[in-house]
Amino acid sequence: DPSIPDLMGDKEALIQAVLNIMGNAHQALRQALTADPCIRVKTRTLRQFTIGNTRH
């Protein structure tokens, strides 16, 4: 998503964290016996600001 600013960090750790959250959501939906289970992931920018000539 081009609206999200770059992030410094451990790529593999971030991927693993997202996978863990998704796995937990999947397990919770199975246990809840939801009729129409759906996991939706969205990204968005909460604030926008400019540093130098770069909009974040």
PDB file of N, CA and C in Angstrom:
ATOM      1  N   ASP A   1       0.845  -1.172   0.000  1.00  0.00           N
ATOM      2  CA  ASP A   1       0.000   0.000   0.000  1.00  0.00           C
ATOM      3  C   ASP A   1       0.893   1.238   0.000  1.00  0.00           C
ATOM      4  N   PRO A   2       0.887   2.019  -1.066  1.00  0.00           N
ATOM      5  CA  PRO A   2       1.776   3.175  -1.159  1.00  0.00           C
ATOM      6  C   PRO A   2       1.458   4.292  -0.170  1.00  0.00           C
ATOM      7  N   SER A   3       0.298   4.264   0.468  1.00  0.00           N
ATOM      8  CA  SER A   3      -0.035   5.321   1.426  1.00  0.00           C
ATOM      9  C   SER A   3       0.610   5.093   2.787  1.00  0.00           C
ATOM     10  N   ILE A   4       1.172   3.915   3.006  1.00  0.00           N
ATOM     11  CA  ILE A   4       1.799   3.610   4.290  1.00  0.00           C
ATOM     12  C   ILE A   4       3.288   3.920   4.200  1.00  0.00           C
ATOM     13  N   PRO A   5       3.827   4.691   5.145  1.00  0.00           N
ATOM     14  CA  PRO A   5       5.248   5.033   5.089  1.00  0.00           C
ATOM     15  C   PRO A   5       6.132   3.817   5.330  1.00  0.00           C
ATOM     16  N   ASP A   6       7.387   3.921   4.869  1.00  0.00           N
ATOM     17  CA  ASP A   6       8.359   2.854   5.090  1.00  0.00           C
ATOM     18  C   ASP A   6       8.560   2.636   6.585  1.00  0.00           C
ATOM     19  N   LEU A   7       8.907   1.405   6.939  1.00  0.00           N
ATOM     20  CA  LEU A   7       9.091   1.026   8.332  1.00  0.00           C
ATOM     21  C   LEU A   7      10.427   0.318   8.467  1.00  0.00           C
ATOM     22  N   MET A   8      11.219   0.722   9.432  1.00  0.00           N
ATOM     23  CA  MET A   8      12.479   0.045   9.712  1.00  0.00           C
ATOM     24  C   MET A   8      12.201  -1.053  10.732  1.00  0.00           C
ATOM     25  N   GLY A   9      12.685  -2.253  10.465  1.00  0.00           N
ATOM     26  CA  GLY A   9      12.477  -3.336  11.408  1.00  0.00           C
ATOM     27  C   GLY A   9      12.884  -4.666  10.808  1.00  0.00           C
ATOM     28  N   ASP A  10      12.673  -5.701  11.540  1.00  0.00           N
ATOM     29  CA  ASP A  10      13.015  -7.056  11.119  1.00  0.00           C
ATOM     30  C   ASP A  10      11.868  -7.604  10.273  1.00  0.00           C
ATOM     31  N   LYS A  11      12.111  -7.725   8.978  1.00  0.00           N
ATOM     32  CA  LYS A  11      11.072  -8.164   8.034  1.00  0.00           C
ATOM     33  C   LYS A  11      10.486  -9.514   8.431  1.00  0.00           C
ATOM     34  N   GLU A  12      11.348 -10.466   8.754  1.00  0.00           N
ATOM     35  CA  GLU A  12      10.877 -11.812   9.090  1.00  0.00           C
ATOM     36  C   GLU A  12      10.053 -11.810  10.376  1.00  0.00           C
ATOM     37  N   ALA A  13      10.449 -11.008  11.360  1.00  0.00           N
ATOM     38  CA  ALA A  13       9.688 -10.941  12.612  1.00  0.00           C
ATOM     39  C   ALA A  13       8.313 -10.325  12.376  1.00  0.00           C
ATOM     40  N   LEU A  14       8.248  -9.304  11.517  1.00  0.00           N
ATOM     41  CA  LEU A  14       6.960  -8.682  11.206  1.00  0.00           C
ATOM     42  C   LEU A  14       6.048  -9.666  10.476  1.00  0.00           C
ATOM     43  N   ILE A  15       6.599 -10.380   9.509  1.00  0.00           N
ATOM     44  CA  ILE A  15       5.813 -11.391   8.787  1.00  0.00           C
ATOM     45  C   ILE A  15       5.292 -12.442   9.762  1.00  0.00           C
ATOM     46  N   GLN A  16       6.158 -12.914  10.654  1.00  0.00           N
ATOM     47  CA  GLN A  16       5.751 -13.938  11.617  1.00  0.00           C
ATOM     48  C   GLN A  16       4.664 -13.426  12.547  1.00  0.00           C
ATOM     49  N   ALA A  17       4.768 -12.158  12.967  1.00  0.00           N
ATOM     50  CA  ALA A  17       3.750 -11.578  13.850  1.00  0.00           C
ATOM     51  C   ALA A  17       2.395 -11.529  13.155  1.00  0.00           C
ATOM     52  N   VAL A  18       2.376 -11.109  11.889  1.00  0.00           N
ATOM     53  CA  VAL A  18       1.113 -11.050  11.139  1.00  0.00           C
ATOM     54  C   VAL A  18       0.547 -12.455  10.955  1.00  0.00           C
ATOM     55  N   LEU A  19       1.398 -13.414  10.621  1.00  0.00           N
ATOM     56  CA  LEU A  19       0.930 -14.794  10.469  1.00  0.00           C
ATOM     57  C   LEU A  19       0.359 -15.338  11.775  1.00  0.00           C
ATOM     58  N   ASN A  20       0.986 -15.015  12.891  1.00  0.00           N
ATOM     59  CA  ASN A  20       0.477 -15.465  14.193  1.00  0.00           C
ATOM     60  C   ASN A  20      -0.897 -14.868  14.484  1.00  0.00           C
ATOM     61  N   ILE A  21      -1.054 -13.575  14.211  1.00  0.00           N
ATOM     62  CA  ILE A  21      -2.350 -12.921  14.435  1.00  0.00           C
ATOM     63  C   ILE A  21      -3.422 -13.547  13.556  1.00  0.00           C
ATOM     64  N   MET A  22      -3.094 -13.807  12.296  1.00  0.00           N
ATOM     65  CA  MET A  22      -4.060 -14.420  11.385  1.00  0.00           C
ATOM     66  C   MET A  22      -4.403 -15.842  11.831  1.00  0.00           C
ATOM     67  N   GLY A  23      -3.407 -16.581  12.274  1.00  0.00           N
ATOM     68  CA  GLY A  23      -3.655 -17.936  12.768  1.00  0.00           C
ATOM     69  C   GLY A  23      -4.552 -17.932  13.996  1.00  0.00           C
ATOM     70  N   ASN A  24      -4.313 -16.981  14.894  1.00  0.00           N
ATOM     71  CA  ASN A  24      -5.162 -16.858  16.088  1.00  0.00           C
ATOM     72  C   ASN A  24      -6.597 -16.513  15.705  1.00  0.00           C
ATOM     73  N   ALA A  25      -6.756 -15.618  14.730  1.00  0.00           N
ATOM     74  CA  ALA A  25      -8.101 -15.248  14.269  1.00  0.00           C
ATOM     75  C   ALA A  25      -8.805 -16.457  13.658  1.00  0.00           C
ATOM     76  N   HIS A  26      -8.080 -17.224  12.866  1.00  0.00           N
ATOM     77  CA  HIS A  26      -8.649 -18.429  12.239  1.00  0.00           C
ATOM     78  C   HIS A  26      -9.114 -19.418  13.301  1.00  0.00           C
ATOM     79  N   GLN A  27      -8.266 -19.647  14.288  1.00  0.00           N
ATOM     80  CA  GLN A  27      -8.615 -20.584  15.356  1.00  0.00           C
ATOM     81  C   GLN A  27      -9.834 -20.091  16.141  1.00  0.00           C
ATOM     82  N   ALA A  28      -9.897 -18.804  16.430  1.00  0.00           N
ATOM     83  CA  ALA A  28     -11.030 -18.248  17.175  1.00  0.00           C
ATOM     84  C   ALA A  28     -12.327 -18.399  16.390  1.00  0.00           C
ATOM     85  N   LEU A  29     -12.277 -18.177  15.082  1.00  0.00           N
ATOM     86  CA  LEU A  29     -13.490 -18.326  14.263  1.00  0.00           C
ATOM     87  C   LEU A  29     -13.957 -19.778  14.226  1.00  0.00           C
ATOM     88  N   ARG A  30     -13.025 -20.714  14.149  1.00  0.00           N
ATOM     89  CA  ARG A  30     -13.413 -22.132  14.156  1.00  0.00           C
ATOM     90  C   ARG A  30     -14.072 -22.511  15.473  1.00  0.00           C
ATOM     91  N   GLN A  31     -13.526 -22.036  16.571  1.00  0.00           N
ATOM     92  CA  GLN A  31     -14.078 -22.365  17.887  1.00  0.00           C
ATOM     93  C   GLN A  31     -15.427 -21.692  18.121  1.00  0.00           C
ATOM     94  N   ALA A  32     -15.654 -20.546  17.497  1.00  0.00           N
ATOM     95  CA  ALA A  32     -16.912 -19.818  17.673  1.00  0.00           C
ATOM     96  C   ALA A  32     -18.033 -20.404  16.828  1.00  0.00           C
ATOM     97  N   LEU A  33     -17.704 -21.292  15.913  1.00  0.00           N
ATOM     98  CA  LEU A  33     -18.679 -21.906  15.016  1.00  0.00           C
ATOM     99  C   LEU A  33     -19.502 -20.846  14.284  1.00  0.00           C
ATOM    100  N   THR A  34     -18.828 -19.827  13.806  1.00  0.00           N
ATOM    101  CA  THR A  34     -19.467 -18.737  13.071  1.00  0.00           C
ATOM    102  C   THR A  34     -20.037 -19.262  11.762  1.00  0.00           C
ATOM    103  N   ALA A  35     -21.257 -18.864  11.438  1.00  0.00           N
ATOM    104  CA  ALA A  35     -21.933 -19.361  10.237  1.00  0.00           C
ATOM    105  C   ALA A  35     -21.197 -18.978   8.957  1.00  0.00           C
ATOM    106  N   ASP A  36     -20.726 -17.755   8.873  1.00  0.00           N
ATOM    107  CA  ASP A  36     -20.048 -17.284   7.664  1.00  0.00           C
ATOM    108  C   ASP A  36     -18.723 -16.624   8.057  1.00  0.00           C
ATOM    109  N   PRO A  37     -17.722 -17.434   8.447  1.00  0.00           N
ATOM    110  CA  PRO A  37     -16.473 -16.860   8.943  1.00  0.00           C
ATOM    111  C   PRO A  37     -15.716 -16.084   7.865  1.00  0.00           C
ATOM    112  N   CYS A  38     -15.116 -14.986   8.272  1.00  0.00           N
ATOM    113  CA  CYS A  38     -14.358 -14.146   7.347  1.00  0.00           C
ATOM    114  C   CYS A  38     -13.278 -13.408   8.127  1.00  0.00           C
ATOM    115  N   ILE A  39     -12.068 -13.467   7.630  1.00  0.00           N
ATOM    116  CA  ILE A  39     -10.973 -12.679   8.184  1.00  0.00           C
ATOM    117  C   ILE A  39     -10.611 -11.652   7.127  1.00  0.00           C
ATOM    118  N   ARG A  40     -10.706 -10.388   7.477  1.00  0.00           N
ATOM    119  CA  ARG A  40     -10.420  -9.305   6.531  1.00  0.00           C
ATOM    120  C   ARG A  40      -9.226  -8.508   7.047  1.00  0.00           C
ATOM    121  N   VAL A  41      -8.261  -8.276   6.187  1.00  0.00           N
ATOM    122  CA  VAL A  41      -7.080  -7.497   6.549  1.00  0.00           C
ATOM    123  C   VAL A  41      -7.066  -6.236   5.699  1.00  0.00           C
ATOM    124  N   LYS A  42      -6.950  -5.086   6.357  1.00  0.00           N
ATOM    125  CA  LYS A  42      -6.892  -3.803   5.653  1.00  0.00           C
ATOM    126  C   LYS A  42      -5.698  -3.013   6.167  1.00  0.00           C
ATOM    127  N   THR A  43      -5.188  -2.153   5.324  1.00  0.00           N
ATOM    128  CA  THR A  43      -4.153  -1.214   5.748  1.00  0.00           C
ATOM    129  C   THR A  43      -4.662   0.193   5.509  1.00  0.00           C
ATOM    130  N   ARG A  44      -4.205   1.100   6.348  1.00  0.00           N
ATOM    131  CA  ARG A  44      -4.571   2.496   6.149  1.00  0.00           C
ATOM    132  C   ARG A  44      -3.618   3.373   6.942  1.00  0.00           C
ATOM    133  N   THR A  45      -3.544   4.615   6.559  1.00  0.00           N
ATOM    134  CA  THR A  45      -2.742   5.594   7.269  1.00  0.00           C
ATOM    135  C   THR A  45      -3.635   6.306   8.273  1.00  0.00           C
ATOM    136  N   LEU A  46      -3.225   6.350   9.523  1.00  0.00           N
ATOM    137  CA  LEU A  46      -4.017   7.022  10.544  1.00  0.00           C
ATOM    138  C   LEU A  46      -3.823   8.527  10.503  1.00  0.00           C
ATOM    139  N   ARG A  47      -2.602   8.986  10.236  1.00  0.00           N
ATOM    140  CA  ARG A  47      -2.325  10.415  10.119  1.00  0.00           C
ATOM    141  C   ARG A  47      -1.445  10.634   8.907  1.00  0.00           C
ATOM    142  N   GLN A  48      -1.502  11.810   8.378  1.00  0.00           N
ATOM    143  CA  GLN A  48      -0.619  12.176   7.287  1.00  0.00           C
ATOM    144  C   GLN A  48       0.133  13.428   7.680  1.00  0.00           C
ATOM    145  N   PHE A  49       1.428  13.428   7.431  1.00  0.00           N
ATOM    146  CA  PHE A  49       2.251  14.588   7.720  1.00  0.00           C
ATOM    147  C   PHE A  49       3.391  14.628   6.716  1.00  0.00           C
ATOM    148  N   THR A  50       4.038  15.768   6.608  1.00  0.00           N
ATOM    149  CA  THR A  50       5.126  15.949   5.659  1.00  0.00           C
ATOM    150  C   THR A  50       6.412  16.244   6.414  1.00  0.00           C
ATOM    151  N   ILE A  51       7.464  15.506   6.077  1.00  0.00           N
ATOM    152  CA  ILE A  51       8.807  15.764   6.596  1.00  0.00           C
ATOM    153  C   ILE A  51       9.672  16.046   5.380  1.00  0.00           C
ATOM    154  N   GLY A  52      10.220  17.243   5.312  1.00  0.00           N
ATOM    155  CA  GLY A  52      10.951  17.633   4.107  1.00  0.00           C
ATOM    156  C   GLY A  52       9.970  17.678   2.956  1.00  0.00           C
ATOM    157  N   ASN A  53      10.252  16.933   1.909  1.00  0.00           N
ATOM    158  CA  ASN A  53       9.349  16.863   0.757  1.00  0.00           C
ATOM    159  C   ASN A  53       8.605  15.533   0.689  1.00  0.00           C
ATOM    160  N   THR A  54       8.700  14.739   1.754  1.00  0.00           N
ATOM    161  CA  THR A  54       8.086  13.410   1.756  1.00  0.00           C
ATOM    162  C   THR A  54       6.815  13.416   2.584  1.00  0.00           C
ATOM    163  N   ARG A  55       5.721  13.011   1.978  1.00  0.00           N
ATOM    164  CA  ARG A  55       4.438  12.924   2.684  1.00  0.00           C
ATOM    165  C   ARG A  55       4.308  11.530   3.287  1.00  0.00           C
ATOM    166  N   HIS A  56       3.989  11.450   4.562  1.00  0.00           N
ATOM    167  CA  HIS A  56       3.839  10.172   5.272  1.00  0.00           C
ATOM    168  C   HIS A  56       2.413  10.029   5.741  1.00  0.00           C
TER     169      HIS A  56
END
